[in-house]
Amino acid sequence: SYGYMKASAYANSTRYATEAWLVSPVLSLANATDCSLVFDQAANPFTNQENFLAACKVMVKESTATDWTELAYEGFPAGNSWTFVTSTADLKAYAGKSIQLAFVYTSTSDIAGTWELKDLTIEGNGSVEVEAPEIPVPAYTTIAELKSNATDAEAVVKYTFTELLVTGVANANG
């Protein structure tokens, strides 16, 4: 509702220790060259830029990798102002690859500033594609199969039924 991402761990006059990740979908740079990530950010009240840089990181990884790497960028907010600053990170090393980006916010019981991000774009030559995640779709043919595989965990799934009459829905507990 803000029109931008807002991360904070300050509520009811209390600072909380936390870690939060905002992770992009997989972005294919297969048809892109000379790319840069450009975004606007503001941060307050981290007291100073050093505290902001310790608490707010931009990370990147190739889509098949498990480890994240901190992405160097230029243009930092002061850490004690709501003024948005434009930041730029070089993505040329990832040309032809599929990547994910993450914005990582951490706080402590001593320092819990607010980080705001908006207007994220990837600029360069060519095109960037968002890769749809591959979600396996089960092929149940009976309600009994569906019920036997139901769990208490919530998940977004798609079911295709053909030539079945569905008269009720049940969960794993009956």
N, C-alpha and C. Protein backbone atom coordinates (compact mmCIF):
# COMPACT_ATOMS: atom_id res chain seq x y z
N SER A 1 0.82 -1.20 0.00
CA SER A 1 0.00 0.00 0.00
C SER A 1 0.86 1.26 0.00
N TYR A 2 2.14 1.13 0.29
CA TYR A 2 3.03 2.29 0.31
C TYR A 2 3.49 2.70 -1.09
N GLY A 3 3.47 1.76 -2.04
CA GLY A 3 4.02 2.03 -3.36
C GLY A 3 5.51 1.73 -3.42
N TYR A 4 6.03 1.13 -2.37
CA TYR A 4 7.43 0.74 -2.32
C TYR A 4 7.59 -0.33 -1.25
N MET A 5 8.74 -1.01 -1.26
CA MET A 5 9.02 -2.01 -0.23
C MET A 5 9.48 -1.28 1.02
N LYS A 6 8.96 -1.70 2.14
CA LYS A 6 9.34 -1.11 3.41
C LYS A 6 9.69 -2.22 4.39
N ALA A 7 10.91 -2.17 4.92
CA ALA A 7 11.36 -3.15 5.91
C ALA A 7 11.70 -2.42 7.19
N SER A 8 11.15 -2.89 8.30
CA SER A 8 11.42 -2.29 9.60
C SER A 8 11.16 -3.32 10.68
N ALA A 9 11.88 -3.21 11.77
CA ALA A 9 11.66 -4.08 12.92
C ALA A 9 11.50 -3.23 14.17
N TYR A 10 10.87 -2.09 14.00
CA TYR A 10 10.58 -1.18 15.11
C TYR A 10 9.07 -1.07 15.23
N ALA A 11 8.55 -1.51 16.35
CA ALA A 11 7.11 -1.46 16.57
C ALA A 11 6.83 -1.27 18.05
N ASN A 12 5.83 -0.49 18.34
CA ASN A 12 5.42 -0.24 19.72
C ASN A 12 6.59 0.20 20.60
N SER A 13 7.39 1.13 20.06
CA SER A 13 8.56 1.69 20.76
C SER A 13 9.61 0.65 21.13
N THR A 14 9.65 -0.45 20.39
CA THR A 14 10.62 -1.52 20.66
C THR A 14 11.35 -1.89 19.38
N ARG A 15 12.68 -2.10 19.50
CA ARG A 15 13.50 -2.58 18.39
C ARG A 15 13.61 -4.10 18.52
N TYR A 16 13.41 -4.79 17.40
CA TYR A 16 13.46 -6.25 17.41
C TYR A 16 14.60 -6.74 16.53
N ALA A 17 15.26 -7.82 16.95
CA ALA A 17 16.28 -8.46 16.12
C ALA A 17 15.55 -9.31 15.08
N THR A 18 15.91 -9.11 13.81
CA THR A 18 15.25 -9.86 12.75
C THR A 18 16.13 -9.92 11.51
N GLU A 19 15.75 -10.79 10.60
CA GLU A 19 16.36 -10.86 9.27
C GLU A 19 15.23 -11.13 8.29
N ALA A 20 15.15 -10.33 7.24
CA ALA A 20 14.10 -10.50 6.24
C ALA A 20 14.71 -10.41 4.85
N TRP A 21 14.21 -11.28 3.96
CA TRP A 21 14.71 -11.33 2.58
C TRP A 21 13.57 -11.04 1.62
N LEU A 22 13.79 -10.13 0.70
CA LEU A 22 12.89 -9.89 -0.43
C LEU A 22 13.62 -10.45 -1.64
N VAL A 23 13.13 -11.56 -2.19
CA VAL A 23 13.83 -12.29 -3.24
C VAL A 23 13.05 -12.19 -4.55
N SER A 24 13.76 -11.88 -5.61
CA SER A 24 13.14 -11.77 -6.94
C SER A 24 12.86 -13.16 -7.50
N PRO A 25 11.99 -13.22 -8.48
CA PRO A 25 11.90 -14.48 -9.23
C PRO A 25 13.19 -14.65 -10.03
N VAL A 26 13.36 -15.79 -10.68
CA VAL A 26 14.54 -16.01 -11.51
C VAL A 26 14.43 -15.09 -12.74
N LEU A 27 15.50 -14.36 -12.99
CA LEU A 27 15.57 -13.42 -14.11
C LEU A 27 16.58 -13.93 -15.12
N SER A 28 16.15 -14.14 -16.35
CA SER A 28 17.04 -14.62 -17.39
C SER A 28 17.67 -13.43 -18.11
N LEU A 29 19.00 -13.40 -18.10
CA LEU A 29 19.75 -12.39 -18.83
C LEU A 29 20.35 -13.00 -20.10
N ALA A 30 19.74 -14.08 -20.59
CA ALA A 30 20.23 -14.78 -21.77
C ALA A 30 20.26 -13.88 -23.00
N ASN A 31 19.32 -12.96 -23.08
CA ASN A 31 19.23 -12.06 -24.23
C ASN A 31 19.54 -10.62 -23.84
N ALA A 32 20.39 -10.45 -22.84
CA ALA A 32 20.70 -9.10 -22.36
C ALA A 32 22.21 -8.93 -22.18
N THR A 33 22.68 -7.73 -22.47
CA THR A 33 24.10 -7.40 -22.26
C THR A 33 24.20 -6.03 -21.62
N ASP A 34 25.35 -5.76 -21.03
CA ASP A 34 25.63 -4.46 -20.41
C ASP A 34 24.53 -4.05 -19.43
N CYS A 35 24.10 -4.97 -18.58
CA CYS A 35 22.98 -4.71 -17.67
C CYS A 35 23.45 -4.08 -16.36
N SER A 36 22.56 -3.27 -15.83
CA SER A 36 22.73 -2.68 -14.51
C SER A 36 21.40 -2.74 -13.77
N LEU A 37 21.48 -2.98 -12.48
CA LEU A 37 20.31 -2.88 -11.61
C LEU A 37 20.25 -1.45 -11.13
N VAL A 38 19.10 -0.81 -11.29
CA VAL A 38 18.92 0.57 -10.84
C VAL A 38 17.71 0.59 -9.91
N PHE A 39 17.87 1.20 -8.74
CA PHE A 39 16.77 1.27 -7.79
C PHE A 39 16.93 2.50 -6.90
N ASP A 40 15.83 2.95 -6.33
CA ASP A 40 15.84 4.07 -5.40
C ASP A 40 15.65 3.51 -4.00
N GLN A 41 16.40 4.08 -3.04
CA GLN A 41 16.29 3.62 -1.66
C GLN A 41 16.45 4.78 -0.69
N ALA A 42 15.79 4.62 0.44
CA ALA A 42 15.91 5.58 1.55
C ALA A 42 16.03 4.77 2.83
N ALA A 43 16.65 5.35 3.85
CA ALA A 43 16.85 4.65 5.11
C ALA A 43 16.89 5.64 6.27
N ASN A 44 16.14 5.29 7.33
CA ASN A 44 16.09 6.16 8.50
C ASN A 44 15.43 5.39 9.63
N PRO A 45 15.72 5.50 10.84
CA PRO A 45 16.87 6.17 11.44
C PRO A 45 17.96 5.18 11.82
N PHE A 46 18.90 4.96 10.95
CA PHE A 46 20.04 4.10 11.23
C PHE A 46 21.17 4.89 11.91
N THR A 47 20.95 6.14 12.17
CA THR A 47 21.90 7.06 12.78
C THR A 47 22.97 7.51 11.79
N ASN A 48 23.54 6.55 11.02
CA ASN A 48 24.57 6.92 10.06
C ASN A 48 24.63 5.88 8.94
N GLN A 49 25.41 6.20 7.93
CA GLN A 49 25.52 5.34 6.76
C GLN A 49 26.19 4.00 7.10
N GLU A 50 27.13 4.00 8.00
CA GLU A 50 27.81 2.77 8.40
C GLU A 50 26.81 1.76 8.97
N ASN A 51 25.92 2.20 9.83
CA ASN A 51 24.90 1.30 10.39
C ASN A 51 23.96 0.80 9.29
N PHE A 52 23.59 1.69 8.37
CA PHE A 52 22.73 1.28 7.25
C PHE A 52 23.40 0.19 6.43
N LEU A 53 24.67 0.39 6.05
CA LEU A 53 25.37 -0.57 5.21
C LEU A 53 25.55 -1.92 5.90
N ALA A 54 25.66 -1.92 7.21
CA ALA A 54 25.77 -3.19 7.95
C ALA A 54 24.43 -3.92 7.99
N ALA A 55 23.33 -3.20 7.93
CA ALA A 55 22.01 -3.80 8.10
C ALA A 55 21.28 -4.12 6.80
N CYS A 56 21.63 -3.46 5.71
CA CYS A 56 20.86 -3.58 4.47
C CYS A 56 21.79 -3.95 3.32
N LYS A 57 21.57 -5.13 2.76
CA LYS A 57 22.45 -5.65 1.72
C LYS A 57 21.65 -5.99 0.47
N VAL A 58 22.33 -5.90 -0.67
CA VAL A 58 21.78 -6.36 -1.95
C VAL A 58 22.61 -7.59 -2.32
N MET A 59 21.92 -8.70 -2.57
CA MET A 59 22.59 -9.96 -2.84
C MET A 59 22.20 -10.46 -4.23
N VAL A 60 23.05 -11.33 -4.80
CA VAL A 60 22.79 -11.91 -6.12
C VAL A 60 23.30 -13.34 -6.11
N LYS A 61 22.66 -14.19 -6.90
CA LYS A 61 23.16 -15.54 -7.12
C LYS A 61 22.67 -16.03 -8.47
N GLU A 62 23.47 -16.91 -9.08
CA GLU A 62 22.99 -17.57 -10.29
C GLU A 62 21.87 -18.51 -9.85
N SER A 63 20.89 -18.70 -10.70
CA SER A 63 19.70 -19.44 -10.30
C SER A 63 19.97 -20.86 -9.84
N THR A 64 21.03 -21.48 -10.34
CA THR A 64 21.33 -22.86 -9.96
C THR A 64 22.25 -22.94 -8.74
N ALA A 65 22.77 -21.81 -8.29
CA ALA A 65 23.67 -21.78 -7.14
C ALA A 65 22.88 -21.81 -5.84
N THR A 66 23.56 -22.18 -4.77
CA THR A 66 22.92 -22.16 -3.46
C THR A 66 23.40 -20.97 -2.63
N ASP A 67 24.60 -20.48 -2.91
CA ASP A 67 25.17 -19.40 -2.12
C ASP A 67 24.93 -18.04 -2.77
N TRP A 68 24.64 -17.07 -1.92
CA TRP A 68 24.42 -15.69 -2.35
C TRP A 68 25.71 -14.91 -2.20
N THR A 69 25.90 -13.91 -3.07
CA THR A 69 27.05 -13.01 -3.02
C THR A 69 26.54 -11.59 -2.87
N GLU A 70 27.22 -10.82 -2.02
CA GLU A 70 26.81 -9.41 -1.88
C GLU A 70 27.13 -8.68 -3.18
N LEU A 71 26.17 -7.93 -3.66
CA LEU A 71 26.31 -7.18 -4.91
C LEU A 71 26.77 -5.77 -4.59
N ALA A 72 27.92 -5.39 -5.12
CA ALA A 72 28.43 -4.04 -4.92
C ALA A 72 27.60 -3.06 -5.74
N TYR A 73 27.33 -1.92 -5.17
CA TYR A 73 26.58 -0.90 -5.90
C TYR A 73 27.04 0.49 -5.48
N GLU A 74 26.65 1.48 -6.26
CA GLU A 74 26.99 2.87 -5.98
C GLU A 74 25.72 3.62 -5.65
N GLY A 75 25.84 4.63 -4.81
CA GLY A 75 24.71 5.46 -4.44
C GLY A 75 24.04 4.96 -3.18
N PHE A 76 24.46 5.47 -2.04
CA PHE A 76 23.93 5.01 -0.76
C PHE A 76 23.16 6.12 -0.07
N PRO A 77 22.05 5.77 0.58
CA PRO A 77 21.37 6.77 1.40
C PRO A 77 22.22 7.06 2.64
N ALA A 78 21.99 8.21 3.24
CA ALA A 78 22.77 8.60 4.41
C ALA A 78 22.48 7.70 5.62
N GLY A 79 21.30 7.10 5.64
CA GLY A 79 20.94 6.26 6.78
C GLY A 79 20.13 6.99 7.83
N ASN A 80 20.05 8.31 7.68
CA ASN A 80 19.30 9.10 8.67
C ASN A 80 18.39 10.12 7.99
N SER A 81 17.84 9.73 6.82
CA SER A 81 16.99 10.65 6.06
C SER A 81 15.98 9.84 5.25
N TRP A 82 14.82 10.40 5.04
CA TRP A 82 13.80 9.75 4.21
C TRP A 82 13.96 10.12 2.74
N THR A 83 15.05 10.80 2.38
CA THR A 83 15.30 11.18 1.00
C THR A 83 15.75 9.96 0.19
N PHE A 84 15.05 9.68 -0.91
CA PHE A 84 15.41 8.56 -1.78
C PHE A 84 16.65 8.92 -2.60
N VAL A 85 17.56 7.94 -2.73
CA VAL A 85 18.79 8.07 -3.49
C VAL A 85 18.76 6.99 -4.56
N THR A 86 19.19 7.34 -5.78
CA THR A 86 19.26 6.34 -6.85
C THR A 86 20.56 5.56 -6.72
N SER A 87 20.43 4.23 -6.74
CA SER A 87 21.57 3.33 -6.61
C SER A 87 21.70 2.50 -7.87
N THR A 88 22.94 2.14 -8.23
CA THR A 88 23.21 1.38 -9.45
C THR A 88 24.21 0.27 -9.16
N ALA A 89 23.90 -0.95 -9.64
CA ALA A 89 24.80 -2.09 -9.50
C ALA A 89 25.08 -2.67 -10.88
N ASP A 90 26.31 -2.97 -11.15
CA ASP A 90 26.73 -3.56 -12.43
C ASP A 90 26.38 -5.05 -12.45
N LEU A 91 25.64 -5.48 -13.47
CA LEU A 91 25.28 -6.89 -13.64
C LEU A 91 25.96 -7.52 -14.86
N LYS A 92 26.96 -6.85 -15.42
CA LYS A 92 27.61 -7.35 -16.64
C LYS A 92 28.19 -8.75 -16.47
N ALA A 93 28.64 -9.08 -15.28
CA ALA A 93 29.21 -10.41 -15.04
C ALA A 93 28.17 -11.52 -15.17
N TYR A 94 26.89 -11.15 -15.19
CA TYR A 94 25.82 -12.14 -15.26
C TYR A 94 25.15 -12.20 -16.63
N ALA A 95 25.74 -11.54 -17.62
CA ALA A 95 25.19 -11.58 -18.98
C ALA A 95 25.11 -13.03 -19.45
N GLY A 96 23.99 -13.40 -20.05
CA GLY A 96 23.80 -14.75 -20.55
C GLY A 96 23.39 -15.76 -19.49
N LYS A 97 23.23 -15.32 -18.25
CA LYS A 97 22.92 -16.23 -17.15
C LYS A 97 21.54 -15.93 -16.58
N SER A 98 21.05 -16.84 -15.76
CA SER A 98 19.81 -16.63 -15.02
C SER A 98 20.19 -16.36 -13.57
N ILE A 99 19.61 -15.31 -13.01
CA ILE A 99 19.99 -14.88 -11.66
C ILE A 99 18.76 -14.63 -10.80
N GLN A 100 19.01 -14.49 -9.51
CA GLN A 100 18.03 -13.97 -8.58
C GLN A 100 18.69 -12.85 -7.80
N LEU A 101 17.90 -11.87 -7.46
CA LEU A 101 18.35 -10.76 -6.63
C LEU A 101 17.63 -10.84 -5.29
N ALA A 102 18.30 -10.39 -4.23
CA ALA A 102 17.67 -10.36 -2.92
C ALA A 102 18.07 -9.08 -2.21
N PHE A 103 17.13 -8.52 -1.51
CA PHE A 103 17.37 -7.36 -0.66
C PHE A 103 17.20 -7.86 0.76
N VAL A 104 18.30 -7.81 1.54
CA VAL A 104 18.33 -8.43 2.85
C VAL A 104 18.41 -7.35 3.93
N TYR A 105 17.42 -7.37 4.82
CA TYR A 105 17.33 -6.42 5.92
C TYR A 105 17.59 -7.16 7.23
N THR A 106 18.50 -6.62 8.05
CA THR A 106 18.72 -7.17 9.37
C THR A 106 18.62 -6.06 10.41
N SER A 107 18.25 -6.43 11.60
CA SER A 107 18.17 -5.45 12.68
C SER A 107 18.56 -6.14 13.98
N THR A 108 18.81 -5.33 14.98
CA THR A 108 19.13 -5.83 16.32
C THR A 108 18.23 -5.12 17.32
N SER A 109 18.34 -5.52 18.55
CA SER A 109 17.57 -4.83 19.59
C SER A 109 18.12 -3.43 19.86
N ASP A 110 19.30 -3.12 19.30
CA ASP A 110 19.87 -1.78 19.44
C ASP A 110 19.61 -0.89 18.22
N ILE A 111 19.66 -1.49 17.02
CA ILE A 111 19.48 -0.72 15.78
C ILE A 111 18.44 -1.42 14.92
N ALA A 112 17.34 -0.73 14.70
CA ALA A 112 16.26 -1.27 13.87
C ALA A 112 15.68 -0.14 13.04
N GLY A 113 16.45 0.30 12.07
CA GLY A 113 15.99 1.37 11.19
C GLY A 113 14.97 0.86 10.19
N THR A 114 14.53 1.75 9.33
CA THR A 114 13.57 1.40 8.28
C THR A 114 14.26 1.59 6.93
N TRP A 115 14.10 0.60 6.05
CA TRP A 115 14.68 0.62 4.71
C TRP A 115 13.55 0.62 3.72
N GLU A 116 13.60 1.53 2.76
CA GLU A 116 12.57 1.62 1.73
C GLU A 116 13.21 1.52 0.35
N LEU A 117 12.59 0.71 -0.53
CA LEU A 117 13.07 0.51 -1.90
C LEU A 117 11.93 0.74 -2.87
N LYS A 118 12.24 1.35 -4.01
CA LYS A 118 11.22 1.52 -5.05
C LYS A 118 11.88 1.63 -6.42
N ASP A 119 11.07 1.53 -7.44
CA ASP A 119 11.48 1.74 -8.83
C ASP A 119 12.69 0.89 -9.23
N LEU A 120 12.60 -0.41 -8.99
CA LEU A 120 13.67 -1.33 -9.38
C LEU A 120 13.56 -1.63 -10.87
N THR A 121 14.66 -1.45 -11.58
CA THR A 121 14.69 -1.76 -13.01
C THR A 121 16.04 -2.40 -13.35
N ILE A 122 16.04 -3.16 -14.42
CA ILE A 122 17.30 -3.63 -14.99
C ILE A 122 17.42 -2.95 -16.33
N GLU A 123 18.49 -2.18 -16.48
CA GLU A 123 18.73 -1.41 -17.70
C GLU A 123 19.89 -2.03 -18.46
N GLY A 124 19.85 -1.94 -19.77
CA GLY A 124 20.92 -2.47 -20.60
C GLY A 124 20.43 -2.70 -22.01
N ASN A 125 21.11 -3.59 -22.72
CA ASN A 125 20.75 -3.92 -24.09
C ASN A 125 20.08 -5.28 -24.13
N GLY A 126 19.07 -5.41 -24.98
CA GLY A 126 18.37 -6.68 -25.11
C GLY A 126 17.15 -6.74 -24.23
N SER A 127 16.86 -7.94 -23.74
CA SER A 127 15.66 -8.11 -22.91
C SER A 127 15.94 -9.04 -21.75
N VAL A 128 15.19 -8.83 -20.67
CA VAL A 128 15.27 -9.66 -19.48
C VAL A 128 13.93 -10.38 -19.36
N GLU A 129 13.99 -11.67 -19.15
CA GLU A 129 12.78 -12.49 -19.02
C GLU A 129 12.65 -12.97 -17.58
N VAL A 130 11.42 -13.00 -17.09
CA VAL A 130 11.14 -13.60 -15.79
C VAL A 130 10.82 -15.07 -16.05
N GLU A 131 11.61 -15.95 -15.45
CA GLU A 131 11.40 -17.38 -15.65
C GLU A 131 10.33 -17.87 -14.68
N ALA A 132 9.30 -18.49 -15.22
CA ALA A 132 8.25 -19.03 -14.38
C ALA A 132 8.78 -20.25 -13.64
N PRO A 133 8.48 -20.35 -12.35
CA PRO A 133 8.96 -21.52 -11.61
C PRO A 133 8.26 -22.78 -12.10
N GLU A 134 9.01 -23.87 -12.10
CA GLU A 134 8.42 -25.14 -12.49
C GLU A 134 7.78 -25.77 -11.27
N ILE A 135 6.47 -25.84 -11.29
CA ILE A 135 5.73 -26.42 -10.18
C ILE A 135 5.10 -27.72 -10.68
N PRO A 136 5.48 -28.84 -10.08
CA PRO A 136 4.89 -30.09 -10.54
C PRO A 136 3.40 -30.11 -10.25
N VAL A 137 2.64 -30.55 -11.22
CA VAL A 137 1.19 -30.63 -11.07
C VAL A 137 0.81 -32.10 -10.94
N PRO A 138 0.26 -32.48 -9.79
CA PRO A 138 -0.14 -33.88 -9.64
C PRO A 138 -1.30 -34.22 -10.57
N ALA A 139 -1.34 -35.46 -10.98
CA ALA A 139 -2.40 -35.92 -11.90
C ALA A 139 -3.30 -36.90 -11.17
N TYR A 140 -4.10 -36.40 -10.24
CA TYR A 140 -5.02 -37.26 -9.51
C TYR A 140 -6.20 -37.61 -10.41
N THR A 141 -6.64 -38.83 -10.31
CA THR A 141 -7.79 -39.26 -11.12
C THR A 141 -9.00 -39.57 -10.24
N THR A 142 -8.79 -39.58 -8.92
CA THR A 142 -9.93 -39.83 -8.03
C THR A 142 -9.84 -38.91 -6.82
N ILE A 143 -10.96 -38.70 -6.17
CA ILE A 143 -10.99 -37.93 -4.94
C ILE A 143 -10.19 -38.66 -3.86
N ALA A 144 -10.23 -39.98 -3.85
CA ALA A 144 -9.47 -40.74 -2.87
C ALA A 144 -7.97 -40.46 -2.99
N GLU A 145 -7.45 -40.35 -4.20
CA GLU A 145 -6.04 -40.02 -4.40
C GLU A 145 -5.72 -38.62 -3.88
N LEU A 146 -6.60 -37.69 -4.20
CA LEU A 146 -6.41 -36.31 -3.73
C LEU A 146 -6.39 -36.29 -2.21
N LYS A 147 -7.35 -36.93 -1.57
CA LYS A 147 -7.45 -36.93 -0.11
C LYS A 147 -6.25 -37.63 0.53
N SER A 148 -5.78 -38.72 -0.04
CA SER A 148 -4.66 -39.45 0.56
C SER A 148 -3.36 -38.65 0.49
N ASN A 149 -3.27 -37.72 -0.41
CA ASN A 149 -2.06 -36.90 -0.54
C ASN A 149 -2.19 -35.52 0.10
N ALA A 150 -3.33 -35.23 0.70
CA ALA A 150 -3.54 -33.93 1.35
C ALA A 150 -2.68 -33.83 2.59
N THR A 151 -2.21 -32.62 2.88
CA THR A 151 -1.41 -32.36 4.08
C THR A 151 -2.00 -31.16 4.79
N ASP A 152 -1.48 -30.89 5.96
CA ASP A 152 -1.90 -29.71 6.71
C ASP A 152 -1.20 -28.46 6.21
N ALA A 153 -0.12 -28.62 5.44
CA ALA A 153 0.64 -27.48 4.93
C ALA A 153 -0.15 -26.81 3.79
N GLU A 154 -0.09 -25.52 3.75
CA GLU A 154 -0.76 -24.77 2.69
C GLU A 154 0.17 -24.67 1.49
N ALA A 155 -0.37 -24.87 0.31
CA ALA A 155 0.42 -24.77 -0.92
C ALA A 155 -0.49 -24.33 -2.06
N VAL A 156 0.08 -23.61 -3.00
CA VAL A 156 -0.66 -23.22 -4.19
C VAL A 156 -0.46 -24.32 -5.22
N VAL A 157 -1.52 -24.95 -5.62
CA VAL A 157 -1.44 -26.04 -6.59
C VAL A 157 -2.58 -25.92 -7.58
N LYS A 158 -2.46 -26.62 -8.67
CA LYS A 158 -3.50 -26.64 -9.70
C LYS A 158 -3.91 -28.09 -9.91
N TYR A 159 -5.19 -28.36 -9.86
CA TYR A 159 -5.71 -29.70 -10.07
C TYR A 159 -6.60 -29.68 -11.30
N THR A 160 -6.45 -30.68 -12.13
CA THR A 160 -7.30 -30.82 -13.31
C THR A 160 -8.11 -32.10 -13.15
N PHE A 161 -9.40 -31.96 -13.13
CA PHE A 161 -10.29 -33.11 -13.01
C PHE A 161 -11.03 -33.29 -14.32
N THR A 162 -11.15 -34.51 -14.74
CA THR A 162 -11.95 -34.80 -15.93
C THR A 162 -12.92 -35.91 -15.60
N GLU A 163 -14.14 -35.74 -16.04
CA GLU A 163 -15.19 -36.74 -15.86
C GLU A 163 -15.37 -37.16 -14.41
N LEU A 164 -15.28 -36.21 -13.48
CA LEU A 164 -15.51 -36.49 -12.07
C LEU A 164 -16.63 -35.61 -11.56
N LEU A 165 -17.36 -36.11 -10.62
CA LEU A 165 -18.39 -35.33 -9.95
C LEU A 165 -17.85 -35.06 -8.56
N VAL A 166 -17.55 -33.78 -8.24
CA VAL A 166 -17.02 -33.42 -6.94
C VAL A 166 -18.19 -32.97 -6.09
N THR A 167 -18.39 -33.66 -4.97
CA THR A 167 -19.53 -33.34 -4.11
C THR A 167 -19.09 -32.76 -2.78
N GLY A 168 -17.82 -32.76 -2.47
CA GLY A 168 -17.35 -32.22 -1.20
C GLY A 168 -15.84 -32.12 -1.20
N VAL A 169 -15.31 -31.41 -0.20
CA VAL A 169 -13.87 -31.25 -0.07
C VAL A 169 -13.49 -31.68 1.33
N ALA A 170 -12.40 -32.39 1.47
CA ALA A 170 -11.96 -32.87 2.78
C ALA A 170 -10.51 -32.52 2.98
N ASN A 171 -10.08 -32.44 4.24
CA ASN A 171 -8.67 -32.24 4.52
C ASN A 171 -8.07 -33.56 4.99
N ALA A 172 -6.78 -33.56 5.29
CA ALA A 172 -6.09 -34.80 5.65
C ALA A 172 -6.63 -35.40 6.94
N ASN A 173 -7.25 -34.57 7.78
CA ASN A 173 -7.77 -35.06 9.06
C ASN A 173 -9.20 -35.57 8.98
N GLY A 174 -9.73 -35.66 7.80
CA GLY A 174 -11.05 -36.25 7.70
C GLY A 174 -12.04 -35.39 7.05
